[in-house]
Amino acid sequence: MSVVIRLSRTGKKGERKFRVVVKEKRSRREGDSIELLGYYEKGKNGKKEINKERYKYWLSVGAQPSPTVSKLME
């Protein structure tokens, strides 16, 4: 099972809100996730809140972050 850390879109149409989730690579974008790590809101007041301890744990067990998530964590 290949595990990735990626964004899952939420909110109303036109809003740019995302959840940072851990899920199986083959699952759909809004499909079932293994764990919710935090959220990210895109825009002028770009808010983000991500649990860094859990993020580091998932990296240590072999989860691959998406390019967007890796940029967010820099």
PDB file of N, CA and C in Angstrom:
ATOM      1  N   MET A   1       0.847  -1.182   0.000  1.00  0.00           N
ATOM      2  CA  MET A   1       0.000   0.000   0.000  1.00  0.00           C
ATOM      3  C   MET A   1       0.890   1.241   0.000  1.00  0.00           C
ATOM      4  N   SER A   2       0.729   2.088  -0.985  1.00  0.00           N
ATOM      5  CA  SER A   2       1.480   3.327  -1.080  1.00  0.00           C
ATOM      6  C   SER A   2       0.668   4.448  -0.438  1.00  0.00           C
ATOM      7  N   VAL A   3       1.284   5.149   0.502  1.00  0.00           N
ATOM      8  CA  VAL A   3       0.584   6.192   1.250  1.00  0.00           C
ATOM      9  C   VAL A   3       1.158   7.554   0.875  1.00  0.00           C
ATOM     10  N   VAL A   4       0.264   8.538   0.684  1.00  0.00           N
ATOM     11  CA  VAL A   4       0.679   9.891   0.330  1.00  0.00           C
ATOM     12  C   VAL A   4       0.035  10.903   1.270  1.00  0.00           C
ATOM     13  N   ILE A   5       0.679  12.061   1.381  1.00  0.00           N
ATOM     14  CA  ILE A   5       0.127  13.195   2.116  1.00  0.00           C
ATOM     15  C   ILE A   5      -0.257  14.215   1.058  1.00  0.00           C
ATOM     16  N   ARG A   6      -1.542  14.546   0.976  1.00  0.00           N
ATOM     17  CA  ARG A   6      -2.015  15.406  -0.093  1.00  0.00           C
ATOM     18  C   ARG A   6      -3.154  16.297   0.371  1.00  0.00           C
ATOM     19  N   LEU A   7      -3.624  17.178  -0.522  1.00  0.00           N
ATOM     20  CA  LEU A   7      -4.725  18.077  -0.212  1.00  0.00           C
ATOM     21  C   LEU A   7      -6.041  17.476  -0.688  1.00  0.00           C
ATOM     22  N   SER A   8      -7.081  17.705   0.104  1.00  0.00           N
ATOM     23  CA  SER A   8      -8.432  17.284  -0.251  1.00  0.00           C
ATOM     24  C   SER A   8      -9.312  18.522  -0.201  1.00  0.00           C
ATOM     25  N   ARG A   9     -10.011  18.822  -1.264  1.00  0.00           N
ATOM     26  CA  ARG A   9     -10.782  20.053  -1.358  1.00  0.00           C
ATOM     27  C   ARG A   9     -12.065  19.983  -0.534  1.00  0.00           C
ATOM     28  N   THR A  10     -12.397  21.090   0.152  1.00  0.00           N
ATOM     29  CA  THR A  10     -13.632  21.187   0.927  1.00  0.00           C
ATOM     30  C   THR A  10     -14.262  22.543   0.679  1.00  0.00           C
ATOM     31  N   GLY A  11     -15.429  22.787   1.243  1.00  0.00           N
ATOM     32  CA  GLY A  11     -16.062  24.092   1.158  1.00  0.00           C
ATOM     33  C   GLY A  11     -16.998  24.216  -0.031  1.00  0.00           C
ATOM     34  N   LYS A  12     -17.562  25.411  -0.151  1.00  0.00           N
ATOM     35  CA  LYS A  12     -18.515  25.679  -1.226  1.00  0.00           C
ATOM     36  C   LYS A  12     -17.800  25.883  -2.555  1.00  0.00           C
ATOM     37  N   LYS A  13     -18.590  25.932  -3.607  1.00  0.00           N
ATOM     38  CA  LYS A  13     -18.057  26.167  -4.943  1.00  0.00           C
ATOM     39  C   LYS A  13     -17.399  27.548  -4.994  1.00  0.00           C
ATOM     40  N   GLY A  14     -16.195  27.617  -5.504  1.00  0.00           N
ATOM     41  CA  GLY A  14     -15.474  28.878  -5.602  1.00  0.00           C
ATOM     42  C   GLY A  14     -14.573  29.175  -4.416  1.00  0.00           C
ATOM     43  N   GLU A  15     -14.780  28.515  -3.295  1.00  0.00           N
ATOM     44  CA  GLU A  15     -13.898  28.708  -2.144  1.00  0.00           C
ATOM     45  C   GLU A  15     -12.651  27.869  -2.335  1.00  0.00           C
ATOM     46  N   ARG A  16     -11.547  28.343  -1.806  1.00  0.00           N
ATOM     47  CA  ARG A  16     -10.299  27.602  -1.935  1.00  0.00           C
ATOM     48  C   ARG A  16      -9.866  27.142  -0.547  1.00  0.00           C
ATOM     49  N   LYS A  17     -10.516  26.102  -0.057  1.00  0.00           N
ATOM     50  CA  LYS A  17     -10.201  25.525   1.240  1.00  0.00           C
ATOM     51  C   LYS A  17      -9.820  24.064   1.035  1.00  0.00           C
ATOM     52  N   PHE A  18      -8.786  23.650   1.741  1.00  0.00           N
ATOM     53  CA  PHE A  18      -8.283  22.284   1.583  1.00  0.00           C
ATOM     54  C   PHE A  18      -7.985  21.676   2.944  1.00  0.00           C
ATOM     55  N   ARG A  19      -8.108  20.372   3.032  1.00  0.00           N
ATOM     56  CA  ARG A  19      -7.648  19.614   4.188  1.00  0.00           C
ATOM     57  C   ARG A  19      -6.351  18.929   3.793  1.00  0.00           C
ATOM     58  N   VAL A  20      -5.417  18.847   4.734  1.00  0.00           N
ATOM     59  CA  VAL A  20      -4.179  18.102   4.504  1.00  0.00           C
ATOM     60  C   VAL A  20      -4.418  16.721   5.104  1.00  0.00           C
ATOM     61  N   VAL A  21      -4.434  15.690   4.258  1.00  0.00           N
ATOM     62  CA  VAL A  21      -4.799  14.347   4.697  1.00  0.00           C
ATOM     63  C   VAL A  21      -3.749  13.323   4.284  1.00  0.00           C
ATOM     64  N   VAL A  22      -3.763  12.213   4.990  1.00  0.00           N
ATOM     65  CA  VAL A  22      -2.942  11.046   4.654  1.00  0.00           C
ATOM     66  C   VAL A  22      -3.898  10.019   4.067  1.00  0.00           C
ATOM     67  N   LYS A  23      -3.570   9.526   2.873  1.00  0.00           N
ATOM     68  CA  LYS A  23      -4.458   8.554   2.236  1.00  0.00           C
ATOM     69  C   LYS A  23      -3.692   7.638   1.313  1.00  0.00           C
ATOM     70  N   GLU A  24      -4.360   6.586   0.877  1.00  0.00           N
ATOM     71  CA  GLU A  24      -3.759   5.669  -0.081  1.00  0.00           C
ATOM     72  C   GLU A  24      -3.681   6.357  -1.437  1.00  0.00           C
ATOM     73  N   LYS A  25      -2.609   6.115  -2.152  1.00  0.00           N
ATOM     74  CA  LYS A  25      -2.347   6.822  -3.408  1.00  0.00           C
ATOM     75  C   LYS A  25      -3.439   6.622  -4.443  1.00  0.00           C
ATOM     76  N   ARG A  26      -4.021   5.459  -4.502  1.00  0.00           N
ATOM     77  CA  ARG A  26      -4.999   5.155  -5.539  1.00  0.00           C
ATOM     78  C   ARG A  26      -6.403   5.665  -5.231  1.00  0.00           C
ATOM     79  N   SER A  27      -6.655   6.176  -4.035  1.00  0.00           N
ATOM     80  CA  SER A  27      -8.006   6.623  -3.681  1.00  0.00           C
ATOM     81  C   SER A  27      -8.334   7.971  -4.317  1.00  0.00           C
ATOM     82  N   ARG A  28      -9.615   8.282  -4.388  1.00  0.00           N
ATOM     83  CA  ARG A  28     -10.068   9.537  -4.981  1.00  0.00           C
ATOM     84  C   ARG A  28      -9.651  10.723  -4.109  1.00  0.00           C
ATOM     85  N   ARG A  29      -9.681  11.924  -4.694  1.00  0.00           N
ATOM     86  CA  ARG A  29      -9.249  13.125  -3.973  1.00  0.00           C
ATOM     87  C   ARG A  29     -10.110  13.354  -2.729  1.00  0.00           C
ATOM     88  N   GLU A  30     -11.424  13.193  -2.831  1.00  0.00           N
ATOM     89  CA  GLU A  30     -12.304  13.367  -1.687  1.00  0.00           C
ATOM     90  C   GLU A  30     -12.695  12.039  -1.050  1.00  0.00           C
ATOM     91  N   GLY A  31     -11.987  10.969  -1.378  1.00  0.00           N
ATOM     92  CA  GLY A  31     -12.298   9.657  -0.827  1.00  0.00           C
ATOM     93  C   GLY A  31     -11.876   9.536   0.633  1.00  0.00           C
ATOM     94  N   ASP A  32     -12.001   8.340   1.153  1.00  0.00           N
ATOM     95  CA  ASP A  32     -11.652   8.090   2.554  1.00  0.00           C
ATOM     96  C   ASP A  32     -10.176   8.360   2.805  1.00  0.00           C
ATOM     97  N   SER A  33      -9.901   8.974   3.948  1.00  0.00           N
ATOM     98  CA  SER A  33      -8.513   9.247   4.308  1.00  0.00           C
ATOM     99  C   SER A  33      -8.152   8.466   5.564  1.00  0.00           C
ATOM    100  N   ILE A  34      -6.864   8.249   5.764  1.00  0.00           N
ATOM    101  CA  ILE A  34      -6.380   7.539   6.940  1.00  0.00           C
ATOM    102  C   ILE A  34      -6.354   8.478   8.140  1.00  0.00           C
ATOM    103  N   GLU A  35      -5.856   9.702   7.929  1.00  0.00           N
ATOM    104  CA  GLU A  35      -5.754  10.663   9.026  1.00  0.00           C
ATOM    105  C   GLU A  35      -5.806  12.092   8.482  1.00  0.00           C
ATOM    106  N   LEU A  36      -6.430  12.975   9.253  1.00  0.00           N
ATOM    107  CA  LEU A  36      -6.500  14.400   8.938  1.00  0.00           C
ATOM    108  C   LEU A  36      -5.378  15.098   9.695  1.00  0.00           C
ATOM    109  N   LEU A  37      -4.488  15.789   8.957  1.00  0.00           N
ATOM    110  CA  LEU A  37      -3.345  16.455   9.589  1.00  0.00           C
ATOM    111  C   LEU A  37      -3.584  17.940   9.834  1.00  0.00           C
ATOM    112  N   GLY A  38      -4.494  18.560   9.105  1.00  0.00           N
ATOM    113  CA  GLY A  38      -4.748  19.981   9.281  1.00  0.00           C
ATOM    114  C   GLY A  38      -5.515  20.554   8.112  1.00  0.00           C
ATOM    115  N   TYR A  39      -5.433  21.883   7.954  1.00  0.00           N
ATOM    116  CA  TYR A  39      -6.139  22.530   6.871  1.00  0.00           C
ATOM    117  C   TYR A  39      -5.297  23.655   6.276  1.00  0.00           C
ATOM    118  N   TYR A  40      -5.734  24.114   5.098  1.00  0.00           N
ATOM    119  CA  TYR A  40      -5.060  25.192   4.392  1.00  0.00           C
ATOM    120  C   TYR A  40      -6.105  25.989   3.628  1.00  0.00           C
ATOM    121  N   GLU A  41      -6.115  27.312   3.802  1.00  0.00           N
ATOM    122  CA  GLU A  41      -7.007  28.197   3.060  1.00  0.00           C
ATOM    123  C   GLU A  41      -6.166  29.080   2.161  1.00  0.00           C
ATOM    124  N   LYS A  42      -6.432  29.028   0.875  1.00  0.00           N
ATOM    125  CA  LYS A  42      -5.684  29.806  -0.095  1.00  0.00           C
ATOM    126  C   LYS A  42      -6.329  31.175  -0.243  1.00  0.00           C
ATOM    127  N   GLY A  43      -5.535  32.201  -0.499  1.00  0.00           N
ATOM    128  CA  GLY A  43      -6.077  33.537  -0.714  1.00  0.00           C
ATOM    129  C   GLY A  43      -5.229  34.593  -0.036  1.00  0.00           C
ATOM    130  N   LYS A  44      -5.801  35.794   0.114  1.00  0.00           N
ATOM    131  CA  LYS A  44      -5.066  36.905   0.717  1.00  0.00           C
ATOM    132  C   LYS A  44      -4.615  36.581   2.136  1.00  0.00           C
ATOM    133  N   ASN A  45      -5.531  36.057   2.923  1.00  0.00           N
ATOM    134  CA  ASN A  45      -5.216  35.716   4.312  1.00  0.00           C
ATOM    135  C   ASN A  45      -4.950  34.220   4.405  1.00  0.00           C
ATOM    136  N   GLY A  46      -4.044  33.709   3.604  1.00  0.00           N
ATOM    137  CA  GLY A  46      -3.769  32.278   3.522  1.00  0.00           C
ATOM    138  C   GLY A  46      -3.454  31.654   4.868  1.00  0.00           C
ATOM    139  N   LYS A  47      -4.472  31.054   5.492  1.00  0.00           N
ATOM    140  CA  LYS A  47      -4.294  30.409   6.792  1.00  0.00           C
ATOM    141  C   LYS A  47      -3.876  28.966   6.575  1.00  0.00           C
ATOM    142  N   LYS A  48      -3.037  28.479   7.465  1.00  0.00           N
ATOM    143  CA  LYS A  48      -2.733  27.051   7.451  1.00  0.00           C
ATOM    144  C   LYS A  48      -2.455  26.606   8.866  1.00  0.00           C
ATOM    145  N   GLU A  49      -2.909  25.412   9.164  1.00  0.00           N
ATOM    146  CA  GLU A  49      -2.656  24.808  10.461  1.00  0.00           C
ATOM    147  C   GLU A  49      -2.444  23.325  10.221  1.00  0.00           C
ATOM    148  N   ILE A  50      -1.207  22.881  10.410  1.00  0.00           N
ATOM    149  CA  ILE A  50      -0.851  21.495  10.138  1.00  0.00           C
ATOM    150  C   ILE A  50      -0.106  20.944  11.340  1.00  0.00           C
ATOM    151  N   ASN A  51      -0.490  19.753  11.784  1.00  0.00           N
ATOM    152  CA  ASN A  51       0.154  19.095  12.908  1.00  0.00           C
ATOM    153  C   ASN A  51       1.515  18.574  12.441  1.00  0.00           C
ATOM    154  N   LYS A  52       2.586  19.282  12.801  1.00  0.00           N
ATOM    155  CA  LYS A  52       3.927  18.961  12.297  1.00  0.00           C
ATOM    156  C   LYS A  52       4.474  17.656  12.870  1.00  0.00           C
ATOM    157  N   GLU A  53       4.096  17.320  14.110  1.00  0.00           N
ATOM    158  CA  GLU A  53       4.565  16.064  14.706  1.00  0.00           C
ATOM    159  C   GLU A  53       4.024  14.866  13.933  1.00  0.00           C
ATOM    160  N   ARG A  54       2.733  14.897  13.609  1.00  0.00           N
ATOM    161  CA  ARG A  54       2.134  13.790  12.862  1.00  0.00           C
ATOM    162  C   ARG A  54       2.659  13.759  11.429  1.00  0.00           C
ATOM    163  N   TYR A  55       2.921  14.939  10.854  1.00  0.00           N
ATOM    164  CA  TYR A  55       3.491  15.017   9.510  1.00  0.00           C
ATOM    165  C   TYR A  55       4.860  14.320   9.485  1.00  0.00           C
ATOM    166  N   LYS A  56       5.707  14.621  10.469  1.00  0.00           N
ATOM    167  CA  LYS A  56       7.030  13.992  10.550  1.00  0.00           C
ATOM    168  C   LYS A  56       6.916  12.488  10.777  1.00  0.00           C
ATOM    169  N   TYR A  57       5.920  12.069  11.575  1.00  0.00           N
ATOM    170  CA  TYR A  57       5.714  10.640  11.805  1.00  0.00           C
ATOM    171  C   TYR A  57       5.392   9.935  10.491  1.00  0.00           C
ATOM    172  N   TRP A  58       4.472  10.491   9.713  1.00  0.00           N
ATOM    173  CA  TRP A  58       4.083   9.838   8.466  1.00  0.00           C
ATOM    174  C   TRP A  58       5.230   9.808   7.468  1.00  0.00           C
ATOM    175  N   LEU A  59       6.069  10.834   7.475  1.00  0.00           N
ATOM    176  CA  LEU A  59       7.255  10.802   6.614  1.00  0.00           C
ATOM    177  C   LEU A  59       8.203   9.690   7.054  1.00  0.00           C
ATOM    178  N   SER A  60       8.324   9.490   8.371  1.00  0.00           N
ATOM    179  CA  SER A  60       9.246   8.471   8.884  1.00  0.00           C
ATOM    180  C   SER A  60       8.804   7.052   8.551  1.00  0.00           C
ATOM    181  N   VAL A  61       7.494   6.842   8.385  1.00  0.00           N
ATOM    182  CA  VAL A  61       7.018   5.500   8.045  1.00  0.00           C
ATOM    183  C   VAL A  61       6.856   5.304   6.544  1.00  0.00           C
ATOM    184  N   GLY A  62       7.260   6.300   5.736  1.00  0.00           N
ATOM    185  CA  GLY A  62       7.323   6.102   4.295  1.00  0.00           C
ATOM    186  C   GLY A  62       6.288   6.817   3.458  1.00  0.00           C
ATOM    187  N   ALA A  63       5.463   7.670   4.038  1.00  0.00           N
ATOM    188  CA  ALA A  63       4.476   8.405   3.248  1.00  0.00           C
ATOM    189  C   ALA A  63       5.183   9.469   2.408  1.00  0.00           C
ATOM    190  N   GLN A  64       4.713   9.649   1.183  1.00  0.00           N
ATOM    191  CA  GLN A  64       5.300  10.624   0.271  1.00  0.00           C
ATOM    192  C   GLN A  64       4.398  11.856   0.197  1.00  0.00           C
ATOM    193  N   PRO A  65       4.912  13.055   0.486  1.00  0.00           N
ATOM    194  CA  PRO A  65       4.074  14.255   0.353  1.00  0.00           C
ATOM    195  C   PRO A  65       3.949  14.666  -1.115  1.00  0.00           C
ATOM    196  N   SER A  66       2.809  15.253  -1.452  1.00  0.00           N
ATOM    197  CA  SER A  66       2.648  15.788  -2.805  1.00  0.00           C
ATOM    198  C   SER A  66       3.525  17.028  -2.936  1.00  0.00           C
ATOM    199  N   PRO A  67       3.836  17.460  -4.151  1.00  0.00           N
ATOM    200  CA  PRO A  67       4.668  18.662  -4.319  1.00  0.00           C
ATOM    201  C   PRO A  67       4.075  19.896  -3.637  1.00  0.00           C
ATOM    202  N   THR A  68       2.758  20.047  -3.683  1.00  0.00           N
ATOM    203  CA  THR A  68       2.107  21.202  -3.063  1.00  0.00           C
ATOM    204  C   THR A  68       2.258  21.151  -1.542  1.00  0.00           C
ATOM    205  N   VAL A  69       2.054  20.005  -0.949  1.00  0.00           N
ATOM    206  CA  VAL A  69       2.175  19.869   0.506  1.00  0.00           C
ATOM    207  C   VAL A  69       3.616  20.103   0.944  1.00  0.00           C
ATOM    208  N   SER A  70       4.577  19.606   0.184  1.00  0.00           N
ATOM    209  CA  SER A  70       5.979  19.827   0.565  1.00  0.00           C
ATOM    210  C   SER A  70       6.346  21.317   0.502  1.00  0.00           C
ATOM    211  N   LYS A  71       5.756  22.072  -0.441  1.00  0.00           N
ATOM    212  CA  LYS A  71       5.983  23.516  -0.490  1.00  0.00           C
ATOM    213  C   LYS A  71       5.339  24.210   0.700  1.00  0.00           C
ATOM    214  N   LEU A  72       4.158  23.749   1.109  1.00  0.00           N
ATOM    215  CA  LEU A  72       3.475  24.335   2.270  1.00  0.00           C
ATOM    216  C   LEU A  72       4.285  24.152   3.554  1.00  0.00           C
ATOM    217  N   MET A  73       4.984  23.042   3.662  1.00  0.00           N
ATOM    218  CA  MET A  73       5.699  22.735   4.894  1.00  0.00           C
ATOM    219  C   MET A  73       7.069  23.414   4.964  1.00  0.00           C
ATOM    220  N   GLU A  74       7.509  24.071   3.918  1.00  0.00           N
ATOM    221  CA  GLU A  74       8.798  24.768   3.948  1.00  0.00           C
ATOM    222  C   GLU A  74       8.721  26.022   4.789  1.00  0.00           C
TER     223      GLU A  74
END
